[in-house]
Amino acid sequence: MKKFALIKSSAVLGVDAYIVDVECNLSRSQLPKFIVVGLPEGAVKESKERVSSAIRNNGHIIPANKIVINLAPADIKKEGSAFDLPIAIGILKAANVIRGDKLDKYLILGELALDGAIRSIKGALPISVALNKSDFDGIILPKDNAREAAIASKHNVIGINTLEEAVNFLNDEISIEPFKVDITSLFEKHRKYRVDFSDVKGQENVKRALEVAAAGGHNIIMIGPPGSGKTMLAKRFPTILPNLILEEALESTKIHSVAGLIPPGQGIVATRPFRTPHHTISDAALVGGGKIPKPGEVSLSHNGVLFLDELPEFKKNVLEVMRQPLENGSVTISRAQMSLTYPAAFLLVAAMNPCPCGYATDEKNECTCTQGQIQKYMAKISGPLLDRIDIHVEVPTVEYTELASKQPGEKSSDIRQRVQTARKIQTTRFSSINNVYCNAHMEPKLIRHYCKIDKKGGDLLKNAISKLGLSARAYDRILKVSRTIADLDNSEMILPQHLGEAIQYRSLDRQLWAQ
């Protein structure tokens, strides 16, 4: 006699979730069999061993039947271990261990340990968001994921620790209070940074350049000798960006949830992400990839900062694949069976030495590189990538008097206040224009409209291009950056001093580097 059970579960494709029907059928057979179909990947195929052990170790008997599990829709590959619990519940329901109709009201997810304990899964937040569009009463999932799921769910979130606890709950033998979370207080609790700009001694010109970059959403590259503080400054850059709003936090949390990177007990990404991949990273790891594409570093940096230290040491093909996300704010990964798009709106902060030995601009150390070696080193950064970096700033060695000074630097909170004021000006300016939120996003037409300069400013820019050897690509970049500097000064007009400061931020375009 055949016995059948249908359990509702869910899986993530990209950063969005979809409903998966876990169909369980028990039928008589001379030899016991356990088959999982519906395009299961490695971890799903192995679930039968975990499920069988967990059921036995919780005091239940695996029916000596042919067990067939179908994961529908069957034309989408399923991966991960989140189907362990729904498969186990399906078998117990078909074997009449679980009674009643409570199963029809809940989505079920969870990885099983061999002793029946429930382990955390990836993607709880996007699944919880998808649940809001359904008619289910709630979701049953590992207790470790309950906080994350409750952040966005309008339904009951039932966190469980063991298979037996799930069985007893579904049989109405125990009651479990739905997990509740005060998202506002949770958001406030975790939105503090561990570092601050006041930690940095000296480097006032570089701090100013980073403030301009944050205010206008500009990508920035720092050029300086080893030990000048480039990495220290980059790590503190997110602390002066405008605070994450809740909508942005949920977007970033969805991506980190899919990647399994939500910190235990936190449940939400409350500060701007800061990712710093090593220069040996592959292009797939940077932009995302795999048989079922997973988010890469550019997507994990969404709404935050991607820091590339020692930029010329990255492989050229790795740097080139960043052009699409830098241009579009998203990255599309295509495979034979699917094409997924992940958000990737980040600010790029890069750092590099001025030459292979690192001391070309250091007055205290002699550079041992030839002009040819320097030119070859600089050529590793392609023109199209450099074209997407608005600000180039030189980072000098810090003097001893600055290092020994006991005077604290300006706090990140004070700089962030000025940045947010400038961003509000830009928000108002571009309120009627789609997909433009800050000065860095301006196309040539908008630059001509919003970055008008007087005759004195025009003469200054003309002299800079001709005498300093600035490239043609620098022209629009200087105007955009000068617009941001004017916004920081709350000036409606772009004045010559704003242009003069913006011109200083194009060191890689000067003839010194072109020779």
Protein backbone atom coordinates (compact mmCIF):
# COMPACT_ATOMS: atom_id res chain seq x y z
CA MET A 1 0.00 0.00 0.00
CA LYS A 2 1.39 3.36 -1.03
CA LYS A 3 1.72 6.18 1.45
CA PHE A 4 2.29 9.75 0.34
CA ALA A 5 3.16 13.05 2.03
CA LEU A 6 3.75 16.57 0.70
CA ILE A 7 5.95 18.98 2.67
CA LYS A 8 6.41 22.60 1.69
CA SER A 9 9.97 23.88 1.77
CA SER A 10 11.97 26.57 0.01
CA ALA A 11 15.28 27.25 -1.74
CA VAL A 12 17.20 30.28 -2.94
CA LEU A 13 18.03 31.12 -6.54
CA GLY A 14 20.28 34.16 -6.68
CA VAL A 15 19.09 36.31 -3.78
CA ASP A 16 15.42 35.41 -4.14
CA ALA A 17 13.61 32.35 -2.81
CA TYR A 18 11.03 30.04 -4.35
CA ILE A 19 8.76 27.32 -2.96
CA VAL A 20 9.92 23.69 -3.23
CA ASP A 21 7.49 20.80 -2.88
CA VAL A 22 9.12 17.90 -1.05
CA GLU A 23 7.07 14.88 -2.13
CA CYS A 24 7.58 11.64 -0.20
CA ASN A 25 6.24 8.32 -1.38
CA LEU A 26 6.51 4.99 0.50
CA SER A 27 5.77 1.81 -1.43
CA ARG A 28 6.35 -1.88 -0.87
CA SER A 29 9.59 -3.33 -2.17
CA GLN A 30 11.55 -6.53 -1.71
CA LEU A 31 14.60 -4.46 -0.78
CA PRO A 32 14.53 -1.14 1.08
CA LYS A 33 15.55 1.79 -1.14
CA PHE A 34 15.97 5.51 -0.57
CA ILE A 35 15.95 7.62 -3.74
CA VAL A 36 16.07 11.42 -4.07
CA VAL A 37 15.11 12.91 -7.45
CA GLY A 38 14.46 16.44 -8.73
CA LEU A 39 17.99 17.51 -9.78
CA PRO A 40 19.65 17.16 -6.35
CA GLU A 41 23.27 18.28 -6.02
CA GLY A 42 25.92 16.67 -3.75
CA ALA A 43 24.70 17.71 -0.28
CA VAL A 44 21.08 16.91 -1.18
CA LYS A 45 22.00 13.45 -2.46
CA GLU A 46 23.82 12.72 0.79
CA SER A 47 20.79 13.75 2.85
CA LYS A 48 19.42 10.19 2.93
CA GLU A 49 22.25 9.11 5.26
CA ARG A 50 21.73 12.04 7.63
CA VAL A 51 17.94 11.64 7.55
CA SER A 52 18.03 7.88 8.18
CA SER A 53 20.40 8.21 11.14
CA ALA A 54 18.51 11.14 12.64
CA ILE A 55 15.16 9.33 12.47
CA ARG A 56 16.57 6.19 14.11
CA ASN A 57 18.46 8.11 16.79
CA ASN A 58 15.25 9.92 17.76
CA GLY A 59 13.44 6.66 18.48
CA HIS A 60 11.53 6.22 15.24
CA ILE A 61 11.65 3.38 12.73
CA ILE A 62 12.52 3.84 9.07
CA PRO A 63 9.87 1.92 7.10
CA ALA A 64 11.37 -1.05 5.23
CA ASN A 65 9.94 0.30 1.99
CA LYS A 66 11.03 1.94 -1.18
CA ILE A 67 11.26 5.63 -0.27
CA VAL A 68 11.17 8.09 -3.17
CA ILE A 69 11.69 11.80 -2.50
CA ASN A 70 10.92 14.25 -5.30
CA LEU A 71 11.95 17.90 -5.09
CA ALA A 72 9.71 19.98 -7.34
CA PRO A 73 10.06 21.95 -9.55
CA ALA A 74 12.26 19.20 -10.90
CA ASP A 75 13.96 21.32 -13.61
CA ILE A 76 15.91 23.53 -11.15
CA LYS A 77 19.02 22.18 -9.45
CA LYS A 78 18.73 21.89 -5.67
CA GLU A 79 21.76 22.25 -3.43
CA GLY A 80 22.55 22.58 0.23
CA SER A 81 21.44 20.71 3.32
CA ALA A 82 18.24 22.63 4.12
CA PHE A 83 16.06 19.82 2.72
CA ASP A 84 17.14 17.34 5.44
CA LEU A 85 14.38 18.29 7.87
CA PRO A 86 11.49 18.44 5.35
CA ILE A 87 12.57 15.05 3.94
CA ALA A 88 12.61 13.53 7.44
CA ILE A 89 9.24 15.10 8.28
CA GLY A 90 7.85 13.81 4.97
CA ILE A 91 8.92 10.23 5.75
CA LEU A 92 7.45 10.41 9.26
CA LYS A 93 4.22 11.90 7.92
CA ALA A 94 3.90 9.17 5.26
CA ALA A 95 4.59 6.57 7.98
CA ASN A 96 1.77 8.16 10.05
CA VAL A 97 4.09 9.22 12.89
CA ILE A 98 3.03 12.84 12.33
CA ARG A 99 -0.74 13.39 12.38
CA GLY A 100 -3.07 16.30 11.76
CA ASP A 101 -3.03 19.08 9.17
CA LYS A 102 -0.56 21.48 10.81
CA LEU A 103 2.03 20.62 8.15
CA ASP A 104 0.00 22.41 5.50
CA LYS A 105 0.45 25.72 7.30
CA TYR A 106 4.27 25.86 7.54
CA LEU A 107 7.36 25.99 5.38
CA ILE A 108 10.03 23.66 6.79
CA LEU A 109 13.82 23.94 6.49
CA GLY A 110 16.84 22.64 8.37
CA GLU A 111 20.00 20.55 8.26
CA LEU A 112 20.04 17.39 10.36
CA ALA A 113 22.91 16.09 12.43
CA LEU A 114 23.15 12.31 12.84
CA ASP A 115 21.71 12.54 16.35
CA GLY A 116 18.71 14.57 15.18
CA ALA A 117 19.98 18.01 16.17
CA ILE A 118 19.04 20.83 13.81
CA ARG A 119 21.87 22.88 12.33
CA SER A 120 21.71 26.32 10.74
CA ILE A 121 21.17 26.86 7.02
CA LYS A 122 21.98 29.51 4.43
CA GLY A 123 19.42 31.89 2.93
CA ALA A 124 16.97 32.16 5.83
CA LEU A 125 16.30 35.86 5.23
CA PRO A 126 15.38 35.72 1.50
CA ILE A 127 13.20 32.68 2.25
CA SER A 128 11.49 34.63 5.01
CA VAL A 129 10.92 37.57 2.65
CA ALA A 130 9.37 35.23 0.05
CA LEU A 131 7.11 33.77 2.77
CA ASN A 132 5.46 37.19 3.18
CA LYS A 133 3.92 36.78 -0.29
CA SER A 134 2.38 33.39 0.55
CA ASP A 135 -0.63 32.10 2.51
CA PHE A 136 1.38 30.05 5.03
CA ASP A 137 1.03 30.64 8.76
CA GLY A 138 4.76 30.54 9.32
CA ILE A 139 8.10 28.84 8.95
CA ILE A 140 9.83 26.07 10.95
CA LEU A 141 13.63 26.32 10.80
CA PRO A 142 16.77 25.98 12.97
CA LYS A 143 16.74 28.11 16.11
CA ASP A 144 20.09 29.61 15.06
CA ASN A 145 18.35 31.13 12.02
CA ALA A 146 15.23 32.33 13.86
CA ARG A 147 16.49 35.87 14.54
CA GLU A 148 17.53 36.33 10.91
CA ALA A 149 14.18 35.03 9.59
CA ALA A 150 12.12 37.08 12.06
CA ILE A 151 13.68 40.34 10.85
CA ALA A 152 11.63 40.41 7.65
CA SER A 153 8.83 37.93 8.35
CA LYS A 154 5.21 38.91 8.95
CA HIS A 155 4.44 35.30 9.84
CA ASN A 156 5.23 33.04 12.80
CA VAL A 157 8.89 32.00 12.97
CA ILE A 158 9.29 28.74 14.88
CA GLY A 159 12.88 28.01 15.88
CA ILE A 160 13.64 24.38 16.80
CA ASN A 161 16.67 22.50 18.10
CA THR A 162 15.92 18.85 17.29
CA LEU A 163 13.92 16.64 14.95
CA GLU A 164 11.90 15.28 17.89
CA GLU A 165 10.98 18.85 18.90
CA ALA A 166 9.66 19.45 15.37
CA VAL A 167 7.64 16.22 15.46
CA ASN A 168 6.12 17.06 18.84
CA PHE A 169 5.25 20.59 17.70
CA LEU A 170 3.54 19.33 14.53
CA ASN A 171 1.60 16.78 16.59
CA ASP A 172 0.44 19.55 18.98
CA GLU A 173 2.18 17.80 21.88
CA ILE A 174 4.21 20.92 22.70
CA SER A 175 3.81 24.61 21.98
CA ILE A 176 6.66 26.86 20.82
CA GLU A 177 6.42 30.63 21.04
CA PRO A 178 7.11 32.32 17.70
CA PHE A 179 10.42 34.17 17.68
CA LYS A 180 10.00 37.95 17.82
CA VAL A 181 12.59 40.62 17.19
CA ASP A 182 12.58 44.39 17.61
CA ILE A 183 14.30 45.23 14.36
CA THR A 184 14.84 48.91 15.26
CA SER A 185 16.71 48.16 18.50
CA LEU A 186 18.62 45.29 16.84
CA PHE A 187 19.63 47.60 14.01
CA GLU A 188 20.81 50.30 16.41
CA LYS A 189 22.71 47.78 18.55
CA HIS A 190 24.84 46.45 15.70
CA ARG A 191 25.42 49.58 13.62
CA LYS A 192 28.57 50.62 15.50
CA TYR A 193 32.03 50.41 13.90
CA ARG A 194 35.06 49.13 15.76
CA VAL A 195 37.46 51.60 14.12
CA ASP A 196 37.43 55.38 13.74
CA PHE A 197 39.20 58.04 11.70
CA SER A 198 40.46 59.60 14.92
CA ASP A 199 42.90 56.65 15.13
CA VAL A 200 44.82 57.95 12.08
CA LYS A 201 47.75 60.26 12.69
CA GLY A 202 48.40 62.93 10.07
CA GLN A 203 47.44 62.33 6.42
CA GLU A 204 44.99 65.24 6.45
CA ASN A 205 45.05 65.55 2.65
CA VAL A 206 44.18 61.89 2.23
CA LYS A 207 41.40 62.10 4.81
CA ARG A 208 40.01 65.04 2.87
CA ALA A 209 40.13 63.06 -0.39
CA LEU A 210 38.28 60.16 1.28
CA GLU A 211 35.68 62.59 2.60
CA VAL A 212 35.13 63.90 -0.93
CA ALA A 213 34.89 60.32 -2.25
CA ALA A 214 32.30 59.43 0.40
CA ALA A 215 30.29 62.60 -0.19
CA GLY A 216 29.99 62.09 -3.95
CA GLY A 217 30.07 58.29 -4.18
CA HIS A 218 33.40 58.42 -6.06
CA ASN A 219 35.78 55.49 -6.47
CA ILE A 220 39.25 56.31 -5.17
CA ILE A 221 42.81 55.00 -5.48
CA MET A 222 45.62 55.77 -3.02
CA ILE A 223 49.23 55.76 -4.20
CA GLY A 224 52.03 55.72 -1.65
CA PRO A 225 55.06 53.88 -0.24
CA PRO A 226 54.75 50.88 2.11
CA GLY A 227 53.79 51.81 5.65
CA SER A 228 52.20 55.14 4.79
CA GLY A 229 48.80 54.06 6.14
CA LYS A 230 46.82 53.23 3.00
CA THR A 231 45.23 50.10 4.45
CA MET A 232 44.49 51.77 7.78
CA LEU A 233 42.71 54.62 6.00
CA ALA A 234 40.76 52.25 3.74
CA LYS A 235 39.46 50.21 6.69
CA ARG A 236 38.04 53.37 8.22
CA PHE A 237 36.43 54.61 5.00
CA PRO A 238 33.05 52.87 5.66
CA THR A 239 32.77 54.76 8.97
CA ILE A 240 32.33 58.10 7.17
CA LEU A 241 29.80 56.86 4.62
CA PRO A 242 26.12 57.71 5.27
CA ASN A 243 24.53 55.31 7.75
CA LEU A 244 22.80 52.30 6.25
CA ILE A 245 19.05 52.69 6.08
CA LEU A 246 16.94 49.64 6.92
CA GLU A 247 16.12 48.90 3.27
CA GLU A 248 19.82 48.84 2.37
CA ALA A 249 20.59 46.71 5.43
CA LEU A 250 18.03 44.10 4.34
CA GLU A 251 19.48 44.04 0.80
CA SER A 252 22.99 43.42 2.13
CA THR A 253 21.73 40.89 4.68
CA LYS A 254 20.02 38.86 1.93
CA ILE A 255 23.31 38.52 0.05
CA HIS A 256 25.30 37.62 3.18
CA SER A 257 22.56 35.17 4.19
CA VAL A 258 22.83 33.34 0.85
CA ALA A 259 26.60 33.16 1.35
CA GLY A 260 26.21 31.96 4.95
CA LEU A 261 28.09 34.94 6.39
CA ILE A 262 25.59 36.33 8.91
CA PRO A 263 27.39 36.62 12.29
CA PRO A 264 25.89 34.31 14.96
CA GLY A 265 23.30 36.07 17.11
CA GLN A 266 23.29 39.20 14.95
CA GLY A 267 20.76 38.44 12.24
CA ILE A 268 21.29 41.63 10.24
CA VAL A 269 24.12 43.48 8.49
CA ALA A 270 23.84 46.86 10.21
CA THR A 271 27.09 48.52 9.05
CA ARG A 272 28.40 49.10 5.56
CA PRO A 273 30.16 45.94 4.31
CA PHE A 274 33.93 46.11 3.90
CA ARG A 275 35.49 43.38 1.78
CA THR A 276 39.21 43.09 1.12
CA PRO A 277 40.06 40.10 -1.12
CA HIS A 278 43.67 39.01 -1.58
CA HIS A 279 45.34 39.78 -4.90
CA THR A 280 45.49 36.06 -5.75
CA ILE A 281 41.67 35.91 -6.00
CA SER A 282 40.13 34.39 -9.15
CA ASP A 283 37.65 36.21 -11.35
CA ALA A 284 34.88 33.76 -10.31
CA ALA A 285 35.51 34.44 -6.63
CA LEU A 286 35.48 38.19 -7.25
CA VAL A 287 32.26 38.52 -9.27
CA GLY A 288 30.61 35.20 -8.38
CA GLY A 289 30.31 31.82 -10.05
CA GLY A 290 29.93 28.08 -9.69
CA LYS A 291 27.55 25.54 -11.25
CA ILE A 292 24.78 27.27 -9.38
CA PRO A 293 26.18 30.82 -9.30
CA LYS A 294 27.00 32.18 -5.86
CA PRO A 295 27.65 35.84 -4.96
CA GLY A 296 31.27 36.98 -5.19
CA GLU A 297 33.17 39.71 -3.39
CA VAL A 298 31.63 42.51 -5.48
CA SER A 299 28.13 41.45 -4.38
CA LEU A 300 29.17 40.93 -0.77
CA SER A 301 30.39 44.56 -0.94
CA HIS A 302 26.92 45.77 -2.04
CA ASN A 303 26.06 49.06 -0.27
CA GLY A 304 29.58 49.10 1.12
CA VAL A 305 33.26 49.17 0.16
CA LEU A 306 35.44 46.83 -1.90
CA PHE A 307 39.10 47.41 -1.02
CA LEU A 308 41.73 46.13 -3.45
CA ASP A 309 45.17 46.44 -1.89
CA GLU A 310 48.26 46.18 -4.15
CA LEU A 311 46.05 46.79 -7.19
CA PRO A 312 48.69 46.06 -9.89
CA GLU A 313 49.29 42.61 -8.36
CA PHE A 314 45.78 41.45 -9.27
CA LYS A 315 45.53 39.44 -12.47
CA LYS A 316 44.47 41.53 -15.42
CA ASN A 317 41.44 39.36 -16.25
CA VAL A 318 40.28 39.66 -12.62
CA LEU A 319 40.36 43.46 -12.78
CA GLU A 320 38.63 43.56 -16.15
CA VAL A 321 35.58 41.60 -14.96
CA MET A 322 34.90 44.41 -12.47
CA ARG A 323 34.00 46.81 -15.26
CA GLN A 324 30.38 45.64 -15.50
CA PRO A 325 29.54 45.95 -11.79
CA LEU A 326 31.35 49.30 -11.56
CA GLU A 327 29.29 50.57 -14.49
CA ASN A 328 25.88 49.00 -13.73
CA GLY A 329 25.84 48.38 -9.99
CA SER A 330 25.03 44.72 -10.62
CA VAL A 331 26.72 41.62 -12.00
CA THR A 332 25.14 39.01 -14.28
CA ILE A 333 26.47 35.45 -14.18
CA SER A 334 25.41 33.22 -17.05
CA ARG A 335 25.51 29.43 -17.08
CA ALA A 336 24.13 26.83 -19.47
CA GLN A 337 20.91 26.35 -17.50
CA MET A 338 20.44 29.75 -15.90
CA SER A 339 21.45 33.37 -15.73
CA LEU A 340 21.46 35.16 -12.37
CA THR A 341 21.92 38.83 -11.55
CA TYR A 342 23.30 39.88 -8.18
CA PRO A 343 23.33 43.49 -6.90
CA ALA A 344 26.83 44.97 -6.71
CA ALA A 345 26.57 48.69 -5.99
CA PHE A 346 29.79 49.34 -4.09
CA LEU A 347 32.46 51.97 -3.72
CA LEU A 348 35.88 50.87 -4.94
CA VAL A 349 38.87 51.83 -2.82
CA ALA A 350 42.19 50.73 -4.29
CA ALA A 351 45.74 51.10 -3.03
CA MET A 352 49.09 50.66 -4.73
CA ASN A 353 52.77 51.50 -4.52
CA PRO A 354 54.11 54.13 -6.94
CA CYS A 355 56.60 51.61 -8.34
CA PRO A 356 57.63 47.94 -7.88
CA CYS A 357 59.98 48.70 -4.97
CA GLY A 358 57.49 51.17 -3.51
CA TYR A 359 59.73 54.18 -2.91
CA ALA A 360 59.46 56.31 -6.07
CA THR A 361 57.67 59.12 -4.20
CA ASP A 362 59.42 58.62 -0.83
CA GLU A 363 61.98 61.33 -0.04
CA LYS A 364 63.64 59.24 2.69
CA ASN A 365 64.19 56.02 0.74
CA GLU A 366 65.90 55.67 -2.62
CA CYS A 367 63.92 54.08 -5.46
CA THR A 368 65.78 51.23 -7.21
CA CYS A 369 63.37 50.91 -10.17
CA THR A 370 64.15 51.96 -13.73
CA GLN A 371 61.71 54.11 -15.68
CA GLY A 372 60.83 51.10 -17.80
CA GLN A 373 60.00 49.03 -14.73
CA ILE A 374 57.79 51.81 -13.37
CA GLN A 375 56.00 52.17 -16.69
CA LYS A 376 55.42 48.41 -16.93
CA TYR A 377 54.14 48.36 -13.35
CA MET A 378 51.68 51.19 -13.97
CA ALA A 379 50.51 49.63 -17.24
CA LYS A 380 49.06 46.69 -15.29
CA ILE A 381 46.08 48.92 -14.55
CA SER A 382 44.06 49.24 -17.74
CA GLY A 383 42.68 52.52 -19.02
CA PRO A 384 39.02 51.37 -18.90
CA LEU A 385 39.35 50.44 -15.21
CA LEU A 386 41.21 53.65 -14.36
CA ASP A 387 38.47 55.51 -16.23
CA ARG A 388 36.02 54.39 -13.54
CA ILE A 389 38.11 55.78 -10.66
CA ASP A 390 37.40 59.46 -10.09
CA ILE A 391 39.94 60.29 -7.40
CA HIS A 392 43.68 59.55 -7.32
CA VAL A 393 45.48 60.71 -4.19
CA GLU A 394 49.10 60.39 -3.16
CA VAL A 395 49.75 59.13 0.36
CA PRO A 396 53.10 60.37 1.72
CA THR A 397 55.09 58.83 4.55
CA VAL A 398 53.91 60.08 7.94
CA GLU A 399 56.38 62.37 9.74
CA TYR A 400 57.57 61.46 13.25
CA THR A 401 56.09 64.62 14.77
CA GLU A 402 52.65 63.58 13.52
CA LEU A 403 53.07 60.02 14.78
CA ALA A 404 54.16 61.25 18.22
CA SER A 405 51.39 63.83 18.48
CA LYS A 406 48.88 63.21 21.26
CA GLN A 407 46.29 65.38 19.56
CA PRO A 408 43.43 63.08 18.45
CA GLY A 409 42.25 63.26 14.87
CA GLU A 410 38.76 64.24 13.78
CA LYS A 411 36.12 61.64 14.61
CA SER A 412 34.38 59.65 11.91
CA SER A 413 31.00 60.85 13.17
CA ASP A 414 31.93 64.48 12.51
CA ILE A 415 33.14 63.72 8.98
CA ARG A 416 30.07 61.55 8.33
CA GLN A 417 27.80 64.44 9.28
CA ARG A 418 29.32 66.61 6.54
CA VAL A 419 29.10 63.71 4.08
CA GLN A 420 25.41 63.16 4.83
CA THR A 421 24.69 66.88 4.39
CA ALA A 422 26.34 66.82 0.95
CA ARG A 423 24.43 63.63 0.03
CA LYS A 424 21.12 65.31 0.91
CA ILE A 425 21.93 68.10 -1.54
CA GLN A 426 22.56 65.49 -4.25
CA THR A 427 19.41 63.54 -3.38
CA THR A 428 17.36 66.69 -3.91
CA ARG A 429 19.24 67.53 -7.11
CA PHE A 430 18.65 64.13 -8.72
CA SER A 431 15.22 63.38 -7.23
CA SER A 432 13.53 63.38 -10.65
CA ILE A 433 16.25 61.35 -12.41
CA ASN A 434 16.18 57.55 -12.40
CA ASN A 435 19.19 55.57 -11.15
CA VAL A 436 21.22 58.68 -10.25
CA TYR A 437 21.72 59.14 -6.52
CA CYS A 438 25.03 60.96 -6.22
CA ASN A 439 27.47 63.00 -8.29
CA ALA A 440 29.56 59.98 -9.30
CA HIS A 441 26.59 58.58 -11.25
CA MET A 442 26.28 61.61 -13.55
CA GLU A 443 26.47 60.98 -17.30
CA PRO A 444 27.97 63.62 -19.67
CA LYS A 445 24.58 65.27 -20.25
CA LEU A 446 24.04 65.76 -16.52
CA ILE A 447 27.63 66.94 -16.07
CA ARG A 448 27.08 69.71 -18.63
CA HIS A 449 23.87 70.71 -16.84
CA TYR A 450 24.98 70.61 -13.20
CA CYS A 451 28.73 71.30 -13.46
CA LYS A 452 28.86 74.68 -15.13
CA ILE A 453 31.96 76.78 -14.47
CA ASP A 454 32.78 80.44 -15.08
CA LYS A 455 35.53 81.82 -17.33
CA LYS A 456 38.12 81.85 -14.55
CA GLY A 457 37.37 78.20 -13.77
CA GLY A 458 37.48 77.33 -17.47
CA ASP A 459 40.92 78.92 -17.85
CA LEU A 460 42.17 77.00 -14.80
CA LEU A 461 40.92 73.70 -16.18
CA LYS A 462 42.38 74.44 -19.62
CA ASN A 463 45.82 75.15 -18.11
CA ALA A 464 45.65 71.99 -16.01
CA ILE A 465 44.93 69.78 -18.99
CA SER A 466 47.66 71.35 -21.14
CA LYS A 467 50.43 71.91 -18.56
CA LEU A 468 49.93 68.94 -16.23
CA GLY A 469 49.34 66.52 -19.06
CA LEU A 470 45.94 65.41 -17.79
CA SER A 471 44.15 62.99 -20.10
CA ALA A 472 40.85 63.62 -21.83
CA ARG A 473 39.14 61.17 -19.49
CA ALA A 474 40.15 63.38 -16.56
CA TYR A 475 37.99 66.29 -17.77
CA ASP A 476 34.58 64.86 -16.76
CA ARG A 477 36.03 63.33 -13.62
CA ILE A 478 37.39 66.69 -12.45
CA LEU A 479 34.02 68.35 -13.03
CA LYS A 480 32.16 65.64 -11.08
CA VAL A 481 34.58 65.76 -8.16
CA SER A 482 34.55 69.58 -8.11
CA ARG A 483 30.73 69.42 -7.96
CA THR A 484 31.04 67.26 -4.84
CA ILE A 485 33.58 69.62 -3.26
CA ALA A 486 31.19 72.51 -3.92
CA ASP A 487 28.39 70.52 -2.26
CA LEU A 488 30.58 70.00 0.81
CA ASP A 489 31.02 73.80 0.90
CA ASN A 490 27.26 74.21 0.36
CA SER A 491 28.07 76.25 -2.73
CA GLU A 492 25.65 76.36 -5.64
CA MET A 493 28.42 77.40 -8.04
CA ILE A 494 31.63 75.47 -8.76
CA LEU A 495 34.34 77.97 -7.84
CA PRO A 496 38.00 77.98 -8.99
CA GLN A 497 39.16 76.66 -5.59
CA HIS A 498 36.84 73.67 -5.98
CA LEU A 499 38.30 72.95 -9.40
CA GLY A 500 41.83 73.41 -8.06
CA GLU A 501 41.30 70.79 -5.37
CA ALA A 502 39.67 68.37 -7.84
CA ILE A 503 42.64 68.75 -10.23
CA GLN A 504 44.98 67.62 -7.45
CA TYR A 505 43.09 64.32 -7.30
CA ARG A 506 44.25 63.17 -10.77
CA SER A 507 47.86 62.20 -10.08
CA LEU A 508 47.78 59.05 -12.24
CA ASP A 509 46.81 61.09 -15.29
CA ARG A 510 49.83 63.38 -15.11
CA GLN A 511 52.78 63.15 -17.46
CA LEU A 512 54.95 61.80 -14.63
CA TRP A 513 53.12 58.47 -14.94
CA ALA A 514 52.69 58.57 -18.71
CA GLN A 515 56.41 58.74 -19.43
